[in-house]
Amino acid sequence: MQRNTHDALSTQVGRRSFLKMAAVAGAFGATSAFASAGATRPATEEEVKDPFPGSQKIKTVCTSCSVGCGIIAEVQNGVWVRQEVAQDHPISHGGHCSKGADMIDMVRSNVRLKYPMKKVNGAWKRISWDTALDEIASKLKSLRGESPESTIFLGSAKMSTEQAYYFRKFAAMYGTNNIDHQARI
């Protein structure tokens, strides 16, 4: 069997390909050097020591799941500006999962849903909490009468064992065995 030297796994690079890659690398190096010149400066000692003057450090827990890892939230003028792990926390011992490490970004995201929305004629419209709850209750009641198995209930990682028990009982009383957990989605 002869070996094809020009197959897809070949590590040979032609002269033309090499020159193209070298030109791209050179252009990238030159533009990135110009782009970053003067764009940043070293932090002063005071900025390193206290980047948010007047802020408070508040011990709290991550709400992403029911584990409750420790967070030290830094708050300035009512705004969560930075977070650290709580090294002395009895559960997390100074650690976080990726969700917990990103908790501040989830809270401060400009795409975070902050109030009920309903799609009307192809556009999202803000509705009141009372309207949202009334419409959901009405739809659930209608589905229960027609076909309760067409409904699924999604649990949460924030539920305790007891809450999960009652959640499962509620779904069974509603008339469905369709339950799942949000972490799988």
N, C-alpha and C. Protein backbone atom coordinates (compact mmCIF):
# COMPACT_ATOMS: atom_id res chain seq x y z
N MET A 1 0.84 -1.16 0.00
CA MET A 1 0.00 0.00 0.00
C MET A 1 0.90 1.24 0.00
N GLN A 2 0.64 2.14 -0.95
CA GLN A 2 1.42 3.37 -1.01
C GLN A 2 0.77 4.44 -0.16
N ARG A 3 1.60 5.27 0.39
CA ARG A 3 1.13 6.35 1.25
C ARG A 3 1.02 7.63 0.43
N ASN A 4 -0.13 8.30 0.53
CA ASN A 4 -0.33 9.55 -0.18
C ASN A 4 0.25 10.68 0.66
N THR A 5 1.23 11.40 0.12
CA THR A 5 1.89 12.46 0.88
C THR A 5 1.09 13.75 0.93
N HIS A 6 0.00 13.81 0.18
CA HIS A 6 -0.80 15.04 0.16
C HIS A 6 -2.18 14.83 0.78
N ASP A 7 -2.29 13.89 1.73
CA ASP A 7 -3.59 13.67 2.36
C ASP A 7 -3.89 14.75 3.39
N ALA A 8 -5.08 14.67 3.97
CA ALA A 8 -5.55 15.72 4.88
C ALA A 8 -4.73 15.78 6.17
N LEU A 9 -4.06 14.69 6.52
CA LEU A 9 -3.29 14.68 7.76
C LEU A 9 -1.85 15.10 7.56
N SER A 10 -1.51 15.47 6.37
CA SER A 10 -0.13 15.85 6.07
C SER A 10 0.23 17.14 6.80
N THR A 11 1.46 17.19 7.32
CA THR A 11 1.90 18.39 8.03
C THR A 11 2.73 19.30 7.14
N GLN A 12 2.83 18.97 5.88
CA GLN A 12 3.61 19.80 4.97
C GLN A 12 2.82 21.07 4.64
N VAL A 13 3.52 22.18 4.60
CA VAL A 13 2.92 23.46 4.25
C VAL A 13 3.64 23.98 3.01
N GLY A 14 2.84 24.33 2.02
CA GLY A 14 3.42 24.85 0.78
C GLY A 14 3.96 26.26 0.99
N ARG A 15 4.80 26.68 0.05
CA ARG A 15 5.42 28.00 0.12
C ARG A 15 4.36 29.10 0.13
N ARG A 16 3.38 28.98 -0.74
CA ARG A 16 2.34 30.01 -0.85
C ARG A 16 1.53 30.09 0.45
N SER A 17 1.15 28.93 1.03
CA SER A 17 0.40 28.91 2.29
C SER A 17 1.22 29.51 3.42
N PHE A 18 2.51 29.18 3.44
CA PHE A 18 3.38 29.73 4.48
C PHE A 18 3.45 31.25 4.38
N LEU A 19 3.60 31.77 3.18
CA LEU A 19 3.69 33.22 3.01
C LEU A 19 2.38 33.91 3.40
N LYS A 20 1.25 33.28 3.08
CA LYS A 20 -0.04 33.86 3.46
C LYS A 20 -0.17 33.92 4.99
N MET A 21 0.18 32.80 5.65
CA MET A 21 0.09 32.76 7.11
C MET A 21 1.05 33.76 7.76
N ALA A 22 2.24 33.90 7.19
CA ALA A 22 3.22 34.85 7.73
C ALA A 22 2.72 36.28 7.57
N ALA A 23 2.09 36.58 6.45
CA ALA A 23 1.57 37.93 6.22
C ALA A 23 0.44 38.24 7.21
N VAL A 24 -0.45 37.29 7.42
CA VAL A 24 -1.56 37.49 8.36
C VAL A 24 -1.00 37.69 9.78
N ALA A 25 -0.05 36.86 10.19
CA ALA A 25 0.54 36.98 11.53
C ALA A 25 1.24 38.32 11.69
N GLY A 26 1.96 38.76 10.68
CA GLY A 26 2.65 40.05 10.76
C GLY A 26 1.66 41.20 10.86
N ALA A 27 0.59 41.16 10.07
CA ALA A 27 -0.42 42.22 10.11
C ALA A 27 -1.11 42.24 11.48
N PHE A 28 -1.41 41.07 12.01
CA PHE A 28 -2.04 41.00 13.32
C PHE A 28 -1.12 41.57 14.40
N GLY A 29 0.13 41.21 14.36
CA GLY A 29 1.09 41.71 15.35
C GLY A 29 1.23 43.22 15.29
N ALA A 30 1.30 43.75 14.09
CA ALA A 30 1.47 45.21 13.94
C ALA A 30 0.22 45.96 14.42
N THR A 31 -0.95 45.50 14.02
CA THR A 31 -2.17 46.22 14.41
C THR A 31 -2.45 46.09 15.89
N SER A 32 -2.17 44.93 16.49
CA SER A 32 -2.44 44.79 17.92
C SER A 32 -1.47 45.65 18.74
N ALA A 33 -0.25 45.84 18.25
CA ALA A 33 0.70 46.70 18.96
C ALA A 33 0.22 48.15 18.94
N PHE A 34 -0.31 48.61 17.78
CA PHE A 34 -0.81 49.98 17.69
C PHE A 34 -2.10 50.15 18.48
N ALA A 35 -2.95 49.14 18.45
CA ALA A 35 -4.26 49.25 19.09
C ALA A 35 -4.14 49.36 20.60
N SER A 36 -3.15 48.71 21.20
CA SER A 36 -3.06 48.72 22.65
C SER A 36 -2.15 49.81 23.21
N ALA A 37 -1.48 50.54 22.35
CA ALA A 37 -0.57 51.58 22.82
C ALA A 37 -1.36 52.68 23.52
N GLY A 38 -1.10 52.89 24.80
CA GLY A 38 -1.76 53.96 25.55
C GLY A 38 -3.19 53.65 25.95
N ALA A 39 -3.70 52.47 25.62
CA ALA A 39 -5.09 52.15 25.95
C ALA A 39 -5.26 51.78 27.41
N THR A 40 -4.22 51.26 28.02
CA THR A 40 -4.30 50.88 29.42
C THR A 40 -3.12 51.49 30.17
N ARG A 41 -3.26 51.50 31.48
CA ARG A 41 -2.18 51.98 32.33
C ARG A 41 -2.13 51.08 33.56
N PRO A 42 -1.01 51.02 34.21
CA PRO A 42 -0.95 50.23 35.44
C PRO A 42 -1.83 50.86 36.52
N ALA A 43 -2.45 50.02 37.34
CA ALA A 43 -3.26 50.51 38.44
C ALA A 43 -2.35 51.10 39.52
N THR A 44 -2.84 52.16 40.15
CA THR A 44 -2.08 52.74 41.26
C THR A 44 -2.21 51.84 42.48
N GLU A 45 -1.33 52.02 43.46
CA GLU A 45 -1.40 51.21 44.68
C GLU A 45 -2.74 51.39 45.38
N GLU A 46 -3.26 52.62 45.40
CA GLU A 46 -4.56 52.89 46.03
C GLU A 46 -5.69 52.15 45.30
N GLU A 47 -5.65 52.13 43.96
CA GLU A 47 -6.67 51.44 43.18
C GLU A 47 -6.63 49.94 43.41
N VAL A 48 -5.45 49.40 43.57
CA VAL A 48 -5.33 47.96 43.84
C VAL A 48 -5.88 47.65 45.23
N LYS A 49 -5.55 48.50 46.19
CA LYS A 49 -5.98 48.29 47.58
C LYS A 49 -7.48 48.51 47.73
N ASP A 50 -8.04 49.55 47.09
CA ASP A 50 -9.45 49.89 47.25
C ASP A 50 -10.02 50.39 45.92
N PRO A 51 -10.37 49.46 44.99
CA PRO A 51 -10.84 49.89 43.68
C PRO A 51 -12.22 50.54 43.69
N PHE A 52 -13.01 50.28 44.73
CA PHE A 52 -14.33 50.89 44.83
C PHE A 52 -14.43 51.61 46.18
N PRO A 53 -13.93 52.85 46.26
CA PRO A 53 -13.93 53.56 47.54
C PRO A 53 -15.35 53.69 48.11
N GLY A 54 -15.48 53.42 49.39
CA GLY A 54 -16.78 53.55 50.05
C GLY A 54 -17.68 52.33 49.89
N SER A 55 -17.21 51.27 49.25
CA SER A 55 -18.05 50.10 49.06
C SER A 55 -18.10 49.26 50.34
N GLN A 56 -19.08 48.38 50.41
CA GLN A 56 -19.23 47.48 51.54
C GLN A 56 -19.01 46.06 51.07
N LYS A 57 -18.38 45.24 51.89
CA LYS A 57 -18.25 43.81 51.60
C LYS A 57 -19.28 43.09 52.45
N ILE A 58 -20.17 42.36 51.78
CA ILE A 58 -21.28 41.70 52.44
C ILE A 58 -21.19 40.20 52.21
N LYS A 59 -21.18 39.43 53.29
CA LYS A 59 -21.18 37.97 53.16
C LYS A 59 -22.58 37.51 52.79
N THR A 60 -22.66 36.67 51.78
CA THR A 60 -23.94 36.16 51.33
C THR A 60 -23.72 34.77 50.76
N VAL A 61 -24.76 34.21 50.16
CA VAL A 61 -24.64 32.89 49.54
C VAL A 61 -25.05 32.98 48.08
N CYS A 62 -24.47 32.12 47.29
CA CYS A 62 -24.82 32.00 45.87
C CYS A 62 -26.22 31.39 45.79
N THR A 63 -27.05 31.92 44.91
CA THR A 63 -28.42 31.41 44.78
C THR A 63 -28.61 30.57 43.53
N SER A 64 -27.53 30.18 42.88
CA SER A 64 -27.66 29.40 41.66
C SER A 64 -28.23 28.01 41.93
N CYS A 65 -27.91 27.41 43.06
CA CYS A 65 -28.46 26.10 43.40
C CYS A 65 -28.68 26.02 44.90
N SER A 66 -29.08 24.86 45.37
CA SER A 66 -29.40 24.72 46.78
C SER A 66 -28.18 24.47 47.66
N VAL A 67 -26.99 24.36 47.10
CA VAL A 67 -25.79 24.14 47.91
C VAL A 67 -25.52 25.35 48.79
N GLY A 68 -25.61 26.54 48.24
CA GLY A 68 -25.43 27.76 49.02
C GLY A 68 -23.98 28.08 49.32
N CYS A 69 -23.13 28.06 48.30
CA CYS A 69 -21.71 28.40 48.48
C CYS A 69 -21.57 29.86 48.94
N GLY A 70 -20.49 30.13 49.64
CA GLY A 70 -20.28 31.45 50.21
C GLY A 70 -19.72 32.45 49.22
N ILE A 71 -20.27 33.65 49.23
CA ILE A 71 -19.82 34.75 48.39
C ILE A 71 -19.60 35.96 49.28
N ILE A 72 -18.58 36.72 48.99
CA ILE A 72 -18.43 38.04 49.59
C ILE A 72 -18.72 39.03 48.47
N ALA A 73 -19.88 39.66 48.55
CA ALA A 73 -20.31 40.61 47.53
C ALA A 73 -19.84 42.00 47.91
N GLU A 74 -19.24 42.70 46.97
CA GLU A 74 -18.84 44.08 47.21
C GLU A 74 -19.90 44.97 46.57
N VAL A 75 -20.49 45.82 47.40
CA VAL A 75 -21.62 46.65 46.97
C VAL A 75 -21.25 48.12 47.14
N GLN A 76 -21.47 48.91 46.08
CA GLN A 76 -21.22 50.34 46.14
C GLN A 76 -22.46 51.07 45.65
N ASN A 77 -22.99 51.94 46.50
CA ASN A 77 -24.21 52.70 46.19
C ASN A 77 -25.35 51.79 45.75
N GLY A 78 -25.49 50.64 46.43
CA GLY A 78 -26.58 49.72 46.13
C GLY A 78 -26.36 48.86 44.90
N VAL A 79 -25.18 48.93 44.29
CA VAL A 79 -24.89 48.15 43.08
C VAL A 79 -23.81 47.13 43.39
N TRP A 80 -24.06 45.88 43.01
CA TRP A 80 -23.10 44.80 43.19
C TRP A 80 -21.98 45.01 42.17
N VAL A 81 -20.78 45.35 42.62
CA VAL A 81 -19.70 45.71 41.70
C VAL A 81 -18.62 44.64 41.56
N ARG A 82 -18.50 43.78 42.57
CA ARG A 82 -17.45 42.77 42.51
C ARG A 82 -17.79 41.65 43.50
N GLN A 83 -17.22 40.48 43.28
CA GLN A 83 -17.43 39.39 44.24
C GLN A 83 -16.16 38.57 44.42
N GLU A 84 -16.06 37.97 45.58
CA GLU A 84 -14.98 37.05 45.90
C GLU A 84 -15.61 35.82 46.54
N VAL A 85 -14.89 34.71 46.53
CA VAL A 85 -15.37 33.54 47.25
C VAL A 85 -15.09 33.74 48.74
N ALA A 86 -15.97 33.20 49.56
CA ALA A 86 -15.78 33.28 51.01
C ALA A 86 -14.90 32.10 51.42
N GLN A 87 -13.65 32.39 51.73
CA GLN A 87 -12.69 31.34 52.07
C GLN A 87 -13.09 30.59 53.33
N ASP A 88 -13.79 31.25 54.25
CA ASP A 88 -14.14 30.63 55.52
C ASP A 88 -15.53 29.99 55.54
N HIS A 89 -16.16 29.87 54.37
CA HIS A 89 -17.52 29.32 54.32
C HIS A 89 -17.50 27.81 54.61
N PRO A 90 -18.38 27.32 55.49
CA PRO A 90 -18.33 25.91 55.88
C PRO A 90 -18.74 24.93 54.78
N ILE A 91 -19.46 25.38 53.78
CA ILE A 91 -19.90 24.48 52.71
C ILE A 91 -18.91 24.47 51.55
N SER A 92 -18.62 25.64 51.01
CA SER A 92 -17.80 25.71 49.79
C SER A 92 -16.31 25.78 50.05
N HIS A 93 -15.89 26.13 51.26
CA HIS A 93 -14.47 26.20 51.61
C HIS A 93 -13.66 27.02 50.60
N GLY A 94 -14.22 28.12 50.14
CA GLY A 94 -13.48 29.00 49.23
C GLY A 94 -13.56 28.60 47.78
N GLY A 95 -14.50 27.78 47.41
CA GLY A 95 -14.62 27.35 46.02
C GLY A 95 -15.96 27.75 45.42
N HIS A 96 -16.03 27.70 44.12
CA HIS A 96 -17.27 27.97 43.37
C HIS A 96 -17.30 27.11 42.13
N CYS A 97 -18.48 26.79 41.69
CA CYS A 97 -18.62 26.19 40.36
C CYS A 97 -18.64 27.33 39.34
N SER A 98 -18.72 26.99 38.07
CA SER A 98 -18.70 28.03 37.04
C SER A 98 -19.94 28.93 37.12
N LYS A 99 -21.08 28.38 37.53
CA LYS A 99 -22.29 29.20 37.67
C LYS A 99 -22.11 30.23 38.78
N GLY A 100 -21.57 29.79 39.91
CA GLY A 100 -21.36 30.70 41.04
C GLY A 100 -20.34 31.78 40.73
N ALA A 101 -19.30 31.39 40.01
CA ALA A 101 -18.26 32.37 39.65
C ALA A 101 -18.82 33.44 38.72
N ASP A 102 -19.87 33.11 37.98
CA ASP A 102 -20.46 34.03 37.02
C ASP A 102 -21.72 34.71 37.56
N MET A 103 -22.03 34.50 38.81
CA MET A 103 -23.28 35.02 39.37
C MET A 103 -23.42 36.54 39.21
N ILE A 104 -22.36 37.28 39.41
CA ILE A 104 -22.44 38.75 39.29
C ILE A 104 -22.81 39.15 37.86
N ASP A 105 -22.30 38.42 36.88
CA ASP A 105 -22.63 38.76 35.49
C ASP A 105 -24.08 38.43 35.18
N MET A 106 -24.61 37.37 35.78
CA MET A 106 -26.02 37.04 35.56
C MET A 106 -26.92 38.12 36.16
N VAL A 107 -26.54 38.62 37.33
CA VAL A 107 -27.35 39.63 38.01
C VAL A 107 -27.29 40.97 37.28
N ARG A 108 -26.12 41.31 36.75
CA ARG A 108 -25.93 42.63 36.12
C ARG A 108 -26.19 42.63 34.62
N SER A 109 -26.55 41.50 34.04
CA SER A 109 -26.73 41.39 32.60
C SER A 109 -27.84 42.32 32.10
N ASN A 110 -27.58 42.97 30.97
CA ASN A 110 -28.61 43.84 30.41
C ASN A 110 -29.69 43.06 29.66
N VAL A 111 -29.52 41.75 29.51
CA VAL A 111 -30.54 40.92 28.87
C VAL A 111 -31.32 40.09 29.89
N ARG A 112 -31.06 40.34 31.17
CA ARG A 112 -31.76 39.61 32.23
C ARG A 112 -33.23 40.01 32.26
N LEU A 113 -34.10 39.04 32.37
CA LEU A 113 -35.53 39.30 32.46
C LEU A 113 -35.86 39.85 33.84
N LYS A 114 -36.48 41.03 33.90
CA LYS A 114 -36.73 41.69 35.17
C LYS A 114 -38.22 41.82 35.49
N TYR A 115 -39.09 41.54 34.53
CA TYR A 115 -40.51 41.63 34.73
C TYR A 115 -41.20 40.75 33.69
N PRO A 116 -42.47 40.41 33.90
CA PRO A 116 -43.17 39.53 32.96
C PRO A 116 -43.30 40.15 31.58
N MET A 117 -43.11 39.33 30.57
CA MET A 117 -43.24 39.77 29.18
C MET A 117 -44.17 38.80 28.45
N LYS A 118 -44.88 39.31 27.46
CA LYS A 118 -45.76 38.49 26.64
C LYS A 118 -45.56 38.89 25.18
N LYS A 119 -45.52 37.89 24.32
CA LYS A 119 -45.36 38.18 22.90
C LYS A 119 -46.74 38.47 22.30
N VAL A 120 -46.90 39.69 21.80
CA VAL A 120 -48.16 40.13 21.21
C VAL A 120 -47.88 40.60 19.79
N ASN A 121 -48.50 39.96 18.82
CA ASN A 121 -48.30 40.31 17.39
C ASN A 121 -46.82 40.31 17.01
N GLY A 122 -46.08 39.35 17.51
CA GLY A 122 -44.67 39.21 17.15
C GLY A 122 -43.70 40.09 17.91
N ALA A 123 -44.19 40.89 18.84
CA ALA A 123 -43.31 41.77 19.61
C ALA A 123 -43.53 41.52 21.11
N TRP A 124 -42.44 41.63 21.89
CA TRP A 124 -42.53 41.43 23.33
C TRP A 124 -43.10 42.68 24.00
N LYS A 125 -44.07 42.46 24.89
CA LYS A 125 -44.74 43.56 25.58
C LYS A 125 -44.69 43.27 27.09
N ARG A 126 -44.40 44.30 27.87
CA ARG A 126 -44.37 44.15 29.33
C ARG A 126 -45.80 44.06 29.85
N ILE A 127 -46.03 43.08 30.77
CA ILE A 127 -47.33 42.95 31.41
C ILE A 127 -47.14 42.94 32.92
N SER A 128 -48.22 43.12 33.65
CA SER A 128 -48.12 43.16 35.12
C SER A 128 -47.99 41.74 35.66
N TRP A 129 -47.52 41.65 36.91
CA TRP A 129 -47.40 40.34 37.56
C TRP A 129 -48.77 39.70 37.71
N ASP A 130 -49.79 40.47 38.08
CA ASP A 130 -51.14 39.92 38.23
C ASP A 130 -51.66 39.34 36.93
N THR A 131 -51.44 40.07 35.83
CA THR A 131 -51.88 39.58 34.52
C THR A 131 -51.15 38.30 34.15
N ALA A 132 -49.84 38.27 34.37
CA ALA A 132 -49.05 37.08 34.04
C ALA A 132 -49.52 35.87 34.84
N LEU A 133 -49.70 36.04 36.15
CA LEU A 133 -50.14 34.92 36.99
C LEU A 133 -51.55 34.46 36.63
N ASP A 134 -52.45 35.40 36.32
CA ASP A 134 -53.81 35.03 35.93
C ASP A 134 -53.82 34.24 34.62
N GLU A 135 -53.00 34.69 33.65
CA GLU A 135 -52.95 34.00 32.36
C GLU A 135 -52.33 32.61 32.48
N ILE A 136 -51.30 32.47 33.30
CA ILE A 136 -50.67 31.17 33.50
C ILE A 136 -51.64 30.22 34.20
N ALA A 137 -52.32 30.71 35.25
CA ALA A 137 -53.28 29.88 35.98
C ALA A 137 -54.41 29.43 35.07
N SER A 138 -54.90 30.34 34.24
CA SER A 138 -55.98 30.02 33.31
C SER A 138 -55.54 28.96 32.30
N LYS A 139 -54.34 29.11 31.77
CA LYS A 139 -53.82 28.15 30.79
C LYS A 139 -53.59 26.78 31.42
N LEU A 140 -53.03 26.75 32.65
CA LEU A 140 -52.82 25.47 33.34
C LEU A 140 -54.16 24.78 33.62
N LYS A 141 -55.16 25.54 34.02
CA LYS A 141 -56.48 24.96 34.29
C LYS A 141 -57.08 24.38 33.01
N SER A 142 -56.94 25.11 31.93
CA SER A 142 -57.44 24.64 30.64
C SER A 142 -56.73 23.35 30.19
N LEU A 143 -55.41 23.32 30.29
CA LEU A 143 -54.64 22.14 29.90
C LEU A 143 -54.96 20.94 30.79
N ARG A 144 -55.19 21.20 32.08
CA ARG A 144 -55.52 20.11 32.99
C ARG A 144 -56.84 19.47 32.60
N GLY A 145 -57.81 20.27 32.18
CA GLY A 145 -59.10 19.75 31.74
C GLY A 145 -59.02 18.98 30.44
N GLU A 146 -58.18 19.45 29.51
CA GLU A 146 -58.07 18.81 28.19
C GLU A 146 -57.15 17.60 28.22
N SER A 147 -55.91 17.81 28.67
CA SER A 147 -54.91 16.75 28.64
C SER A 147 -53.77 17.10 29.60
N PRO A 148 -53.86 16.65 30.86
CA PRO A 148 -52.83 17.00 31.84
C PRO A 148 -51.44 16.49 31.44
N GLU A 149 -51.37 15.41 30.65
CA GLU A 149 -50.07 14.87 30.23
C GLU A 149 -49.36 15.77 29.22
N SER A 150 -50.04 16.81 28.74
CA SER A 150 -49.40 17.75 27.81
C SER A 150 -48.57 18.80 28.55
N THR A 151 -48.56 18.70 29.86
CA THR A 151 -47.84 19.67 30.70
C THR A 151 -46.61 19.00 31.32
N ILE A 152 -45.53 19.77 31.45
CA ILE A 152 -44.34 19.30 32.15
C ILE A 152 -43.99 20.31 33.24
N PHE A 153 -43.56 19.81 34.37
CA PHE A 153 -43.13 20.66 35.47
C PHE A 153 -41.62 20.52 35.61
N LEU A 154 -40.93 21.64 35.61
CA LEU A 154 -39.47 21.65 35.72
C LEU A 154 -39.06 22.09 37.11
N GLY A 155 -38.32 21.23 37.80
CA GLY A 155 -37.82 21.55 39.13
C GLY A 155 -36.59 22.44 39.04
N SER A 156 -36.00 22.68 40.19
CA SER A 156 -34.87 23.59 40.26
C SER A 156 -33.80 23.04 41.18
N ALA A 157 -32.57 23.39 40.90
CA ALA A 157 -31.46 23.01 41.77
C ALA A 157 -31.53 23.74 43.10
N LYS A 158 -32.37 24.75 43.19
CA LYS A 158 -32.50 25.51 44.43
C LYS A 158 -33.45 24.83 45.42
N MET A 159 -34.15 23.79 44.99
CA MET A 159 -35.12 23.13 45.87
C MET A 159 -34.43 22.24 46.90
N SER A 160 -34.98 22.27 48.10
CA SER A 160 -34.53 21.32 49.12
C SER A 160 -35.23 19.98 48.87
N THR A 161 -34.87 18.97 49.61
CA THR A 161 -35.50 17.66 49.47
C THR A 161 -37.00 17.76 49.73
N GLU A 162 -37.37 18.50 50.75
CA GLU A 162 -38.78 18.64 51.09
C GLU A 162 -39.55 19.39 50.00
N GLN A 163 -38.95 20.44 49.46
CA GLN A 163 -39.61 21.18 48.38
C GLN A 163 -39.77 20.30 47.14
N ALA A 164 -38.76 19.50 46.83
CA ALA A 164 -38.85 18.60 45.68
C ALA A 164 -39.97 17.59 45.88
N TYR A 165 -40.15 17.10 47.10
CA TYR A 165 -41.23 16.16 47.42
C TYR A 165 -42.58 16.80 47.13
N TYR A 166 -42.79 18.02 47.63
CA TYR A 166 -44.07 18.69 47.41
C TYR A 166 -44.27 19.06 45.94
N PHE A 167 -43.20 19.40 45.27
CA PHE A 167 -43.28 19.71 43.83
C PHE A 167 -43.75 18.48 43.06
N ARG A 168 -43.18 17.32 43.39
CA ARG A 168 -43.56 16.07 42.73
C ARG A 168 -45.02 15.73 43.04
N LYS A 169 -45.42 15.92 44.29
CA LYS A 169 -46.81 15.65 44.67
C LYS A 169 -47.77 16.57 43.92
N PHE A 170 -47.40 17.84 43.76
CA PHE A 170 -48.24 18.79 43.04
C PHE A 170 -48.43 18.33 41.59
N ALA A 171 -47.34 17.91 40.93
CA ALA A 171 -47.44 17.44 39.54
C ALA A 171 -48.35 16.22 39.45
N ALA A 172 -48.23 15.29 40.41
CA ALA A 172 -49.08 14.09 40.41
C ALA A 172 -50.54 14.46 40.62
N MET A 173 -50.81 15.39 41.53
CA MET A 173 -52.19 15.82 41.77
C MET A 173 -52.74 16.57 40.57
N TYR A 174 -51.88 17.26 39.85
CA TYR A 174 -52.29 17.95 38.63
C TYR A 174 -52.70 16.93 37.58
N GLY A 175 -52.04 15.75 37.59
CA GLY A 175 -52.41 14.69 36.66
C GLY A 175 -51.33 14.30 35.68
N THR A 176 -50.07 14.65 35.97
CA THR A 176 -49.00 14.31 35.04
C THR A 176 -47.82 13.68 35.79
N ASN A 177 -47.11 12.83 35.08
CA ASN A 177 -45.85 12.29 35.58
C ASN A 177 -44.68 13.01 34.92
N ASN A 178 -44.96 14.01 34.13
CA ASN A 178 -43.92 14.73 33.39
C ASN A 178 -43.24 15.76 34.29
N ILE A 179 -42.17 15.34 34.92
CA ILE A 179 -41.36 16.26 35.71
C ILE A 179 -39.90 16.08 35.29
N ASP A 180 -39.14 17.11 35.41
CA ASP A 180 -37.73 17.05 35.09
C ASP A 180 -37.01 18.11 35.92
N HIS A 181 -35.73 18.23 35.66
CA HIS A 181 -34.90 19.13 36.44
C HIS A 181 -34.22 20.11 35.47
N GLN A 182 -34.17 21.38 35.83
CA GLN A 182 -33.63 22.40 34.93
C GLN A 182 -32.15 22.21 34.61
N ALA A 183 -31.41 21.51 35.46
CA ALA A 183 -29.97 21.36 35.22
C ALA A 183 -29.70 20.48 34.00
N ARG A 184 -30.66 19.66 33.60
CA ARG A 184 -30.47 18.78 32.43
C ARG A 184 -30.72 19.52 31.12
N ILE A 185 -31.31 20.70 31.20
CA ILE A 185 -31.73 21.39 29.97
C ILE A 185 -30.62 22.30 29.48
